[in-house]
Amino acid sequence: MVISDTHEGIKAATVRVLSTTWQRCRVHFQRNALTHAGKSSRRAVLAFIATAFAQPD
C-alpha cells in the first residue's frame, strides 16, 4: 500500500509500476478540508474528521 497526497503521477505509478493500492494521506486530507472551512469553523471541522478517523470501521 502506498500512502501519499493526491498527486496523479504517484497514484498512477502505484497501480501501474508497483501493482498495489493507494490511500490518501490523513494529514493532507485534513489540510485540504480546512482550506474549505472558514476560520471560525476549523475547530468543528477538525472535530468531525477526528471522530470519523476514530471509528473502528
N, C-alpha and C. Protein backbone atom coordinates (compact mmCIF):
# COMPACT_ATOMS: atom_id res chain seq x y z
N MET A 1 0.84 -1.18 0.00
CA MET A 1 0.00 0.00 0.00
C MET A 1 0.89 1.24 0.00
N VAL A 2 0.49 2.21 -0.80
CA VAL A 2 1.19 3.48 -0.86
C VAL A 2 0.25 4.54 -0.29
N ILE A 3 0.78 5.36 0.61
CA ILE A 3 0.00 6.45 1.21
C ILE A 3 0.69 7.76 0.82
N SER A 4 -0.08 8.66 0.19
CA SER A 4 0.50 9.93 -0.27
C SER A 4 -0.58 10.97 -0.43
N ASP A 5 -0.16 12.15 -0.92
CA ASP A 5 -1.14 13.16 -1.29
C ASP A 5 -1.79 12.72 -2.60
N THR A 6 -2.60 13.57 -3.20
CA THR A 6 -3.36 13.16 -4.39
C THR A 6 -2.61 13.45 -5.69
N HIS A 7 -1.32 13.40 -5.66
CA HIS A 7 -0.52 13.61 -6.87
C HIS A 7 -0.86 12.52 -7.89
N GLU A 8 -1.32 12.92 -9.06
CA GLU A 8 -1.79 11.96 -10.06
C GLU A 8 -0.69 11.02 -10.53
N GLY A 9 0.54 11.50 -10.61
CA GLY A 9 1.65 10.65 -11.04
C GLY A 9 1.94 9.54 -10.04
N ILE A 10 1.90 9.88 -8.76
CA ILE A 10 2.12 8.87 -7.72
C ILE A 10 1.01 7.84 -7.75
N LYS A 11 -0.22 8.31 -7.90
CA LYS A 11 -1.35 7.38 -7.94
C LYS A 11 -1.24 6.43 -9.13
N ALA A 12 -0.88 6.95 -10.29
CA ALA A 12 -0.77 6.12 -11.49
C ALA A 12 0.38 5.12 -11.36
N ALA A 13 1.52 5.58 -10.84
CA ALA A 13 2.67 4.68 -10.68
C ALA A 13 2.39 3.59 -9.66
N THR A 14 1.62 3.91 -8.65
CA THR A 14 1.28 2.92 -7.63
C THR A 14 0.58 1.73 -8.26
N VAL A 15 -0.36 2.00 -9.12
CA VAL A 15 -1.11 0.92 -9.78
C VAL A 15 -0.28 0.27 -10.88
N ARG A 16 0.32 1.08 -11.74
CA ARG A 16 0.99 0.57 -12.93
C ARG A 16 2.33 -0.10 -12.63
N VAL A 17 3.16 0.51 -11.80
CA VAL A 17 4.51 0.00 -11.56
C VAL A 17 4.56 -0.94 -10.36
N LEU A 18 3.92 -0.54 -9.29
CA LEU A 18 4.01 -1.33 -8.06
C LEU A 18 2.91 -2.37 -7.91
N SER A 19 1.87 -2.25 -8.70
CA SER A 19 0.72 -3.17 -8.65
C SER A 19 0.17 -3.30 -7.23
N THR A 20 -0.02 -2.18 -6.60
CA THR A 20 -0.54 -2.16 -5.23
C THR A 20 -1.64 -1.11 -5.12
N THR A 21 -2.17 -0.93 -3.94
CA THR A 21 -3.25 0.03 -3.73
C THR A 21 -2.71 1.36 -3.23
N TRP A 22 -3.53 2.38 -3.37
CA TRP A 22 -3.17 3.74 -2.96
C TRP A 22 -4.19 4.24 -1.95
N GLN A 23 -3.71 5.00 -0.96
CA GLN A 23 -4.60 5.61 0.03
C GLN A 23 -4.16 7.05 0.26
N ARG A 24 -5.13 7.92 0.46
CA ARG A 24 -4.86 9.34 0.70
C ARG A 24 -4.25 9.54 2.07
N CYS A 25 -3.25 10.38 2.17
CA CYS A 25 -2.59 10.71 3.43
C CYS A 25 -3.57 11.47 4.33
N ARG A 26 -3.65 11.06 5.56
CA ARG A 26 -4.59 11.67 6.51
C ARG A 26 -4.28 13.15 6.75
N VAL A 27 -3.00 13.48 6.86
CA VAL A 27 -2.60 14.87 7.11
C VAL A 27 -2.98 15.76 5.92
N HIS A 28 -2.71 15.29 4.71
CA HIS A 28 -3.07 16.07 3.53
C HIS A 28 -4.58 16.22 3.42
N PHE A 29 -5.32 15.17 3.76
CA PHE A 29 -6.78 15.24 3.74
C PHE A 29 -7.27 16.34 4.69
N GLN A 30 -6.73 16.36 5.92
CA GLN A 30 -7.15 17.37 6.88
C GLN A 30 -6.80 18.78 6.42
N ARG A 31 -5.60 18.95 5.90
CA ARG A 31 -5.20 20.28 5.40
C ARG A 31 -6.11 20.75 4.28
N ASN A 32 -6.42 19.85 3.34
CA ASN A 32 -7.30 20.23 2.24
C ASN A 32 -8.70 20.55 2.72
N ALA A 33 -9.20 19.80 3.69
CA ALA A 33 -10.54 20.07 4.23
C ALA A 33 -10.59 21.44 4.90
N LEU A 34 -9.53 21.79 5.61
CA LEU A 34 -9.50 23.07 6.31
C LEU A 34 -9.45 24.27 5.36
N THR A 35 -8.94 24.07 4.17
CA THR A 35 -8.91 25.18 3.21
C THR A 35 -10.32 25.57 2.76
N HIS A 36 -11.27 24.65 2.92
CA HIS A 36 -12.66 24.91 2.52
C HIS A 36 -13.52 25.38 3.69
N ALA A 37 -12.95 25.42 4.88
CA ALA A 37 -13.69 25.84 6.08
C ALA A 37 -13.28 27.26 6.45
N GLY A 38 -14.23 28.03 6.90
CA GLY A 38 -13.93 29.36 7.39
C GLY A 38 -13.14 29.28 8.69
N LYS A 39 -12.48 30.36 9.05
CA LYS A 39 -11.65 30.36 10.26
C LYS A 39 -12.45 30.00 11.51
N SER A 40 -13.68 30.43 11.58
CA SER A 40 -14.49 30.15 12.77
C SER A 40 -14.99 28.70 12.81
N SER A 41 -14.93 28.00 11.69
CA SER A 41 -15.43 26.62 11.61
C SER A 41 -14.33 25.56 11.68
N ARG A 42 -13.09 25.96 11.68
CA ARG A 42 -11.99 24.99 11.58
C ARG A 42 -11.95 23.99 12.72
N ARG A 43 -12.20 24.44 13.94
CA ARG A 43 -12.19 23.50 15.07
C ARG A 43 -13.28 22.46 14.95
N ALA A 44 -14.45 22.88 14.50
CA ALA A 44 -15.56 21.95 14.33
C ALA A 44 -15.25 20.94 13.22
N VAL A 45 -14.67 21.41 12.13
CA VAL A 45 -14.32 20.52 11.03
C VAL A 45 -13.28 19.50 11.50
N LEU A 46 -12.27 19.95 12.23
CA LEU A 46 -11.26 19.02 12.76
C LEU A 46 -11.88 18.01 13.71
N ALA A 47 -12.85 18.44 14.50
CA ALA A 47 -13.52 17.52 15.43
C ALA A 47 -14.31 16.46 14.65
N PHE A 48 -14.99 16.85 13.60
CA PHE A 48 -15.73 15.88 12.78
C PHE A 48 -14.77 14.88 12.12
N ILE A 49 -13.67 15.38 11.60
CA ILE A 49 -12.69 14.50 10.95
C ILE A 49 -12.09 13.54 11.98
N ALA A 50 -11.74 14.04 13.15
CA ALA A 50 -11.17 13.18 14.19
C ALA A 50 -12.16 12.10 14.60
N THR A 51 -13.43 12.45 14.69
CA THR A 51 -14.46 11.45 15.03
C THR A 51 -14.56 10.38 13.96
N ALA A 52 -14.50 10.80 12.71
CA ALA A 52 -14.57 9.84 11.60
C ALA A 52 -13.37 8.88 11.62
N PHE A 53 -12.17 9.41 11.86
CA PHE A 53 -10.99 8.55 11.88
C PHE A 53 -10.92 7.67 13.14
N ALA A 54 -11.64 8.04 14.18
CA ALA A 54 -11.63 7.24 15.41
C ALA A 54 -12.54 6.02 15.32
N GLN A 55 -13.36 5.95 14.29
CA GLN A 55 -14.28 4.82 14.16
C GLN A 55 -13.52 3.53 13.82
N PRO A 56 -13.96 2.40 14.38
CA PRO A 56 -13.22 1.15 14.14
C PRO A 56 -13.34 0.63 12.70
N ASP A 57 -14.41 0.96 12.01
CA ASP A 57 -14.56 0.53 10.61
C ASP A 57 -15.48 1.45 9.85
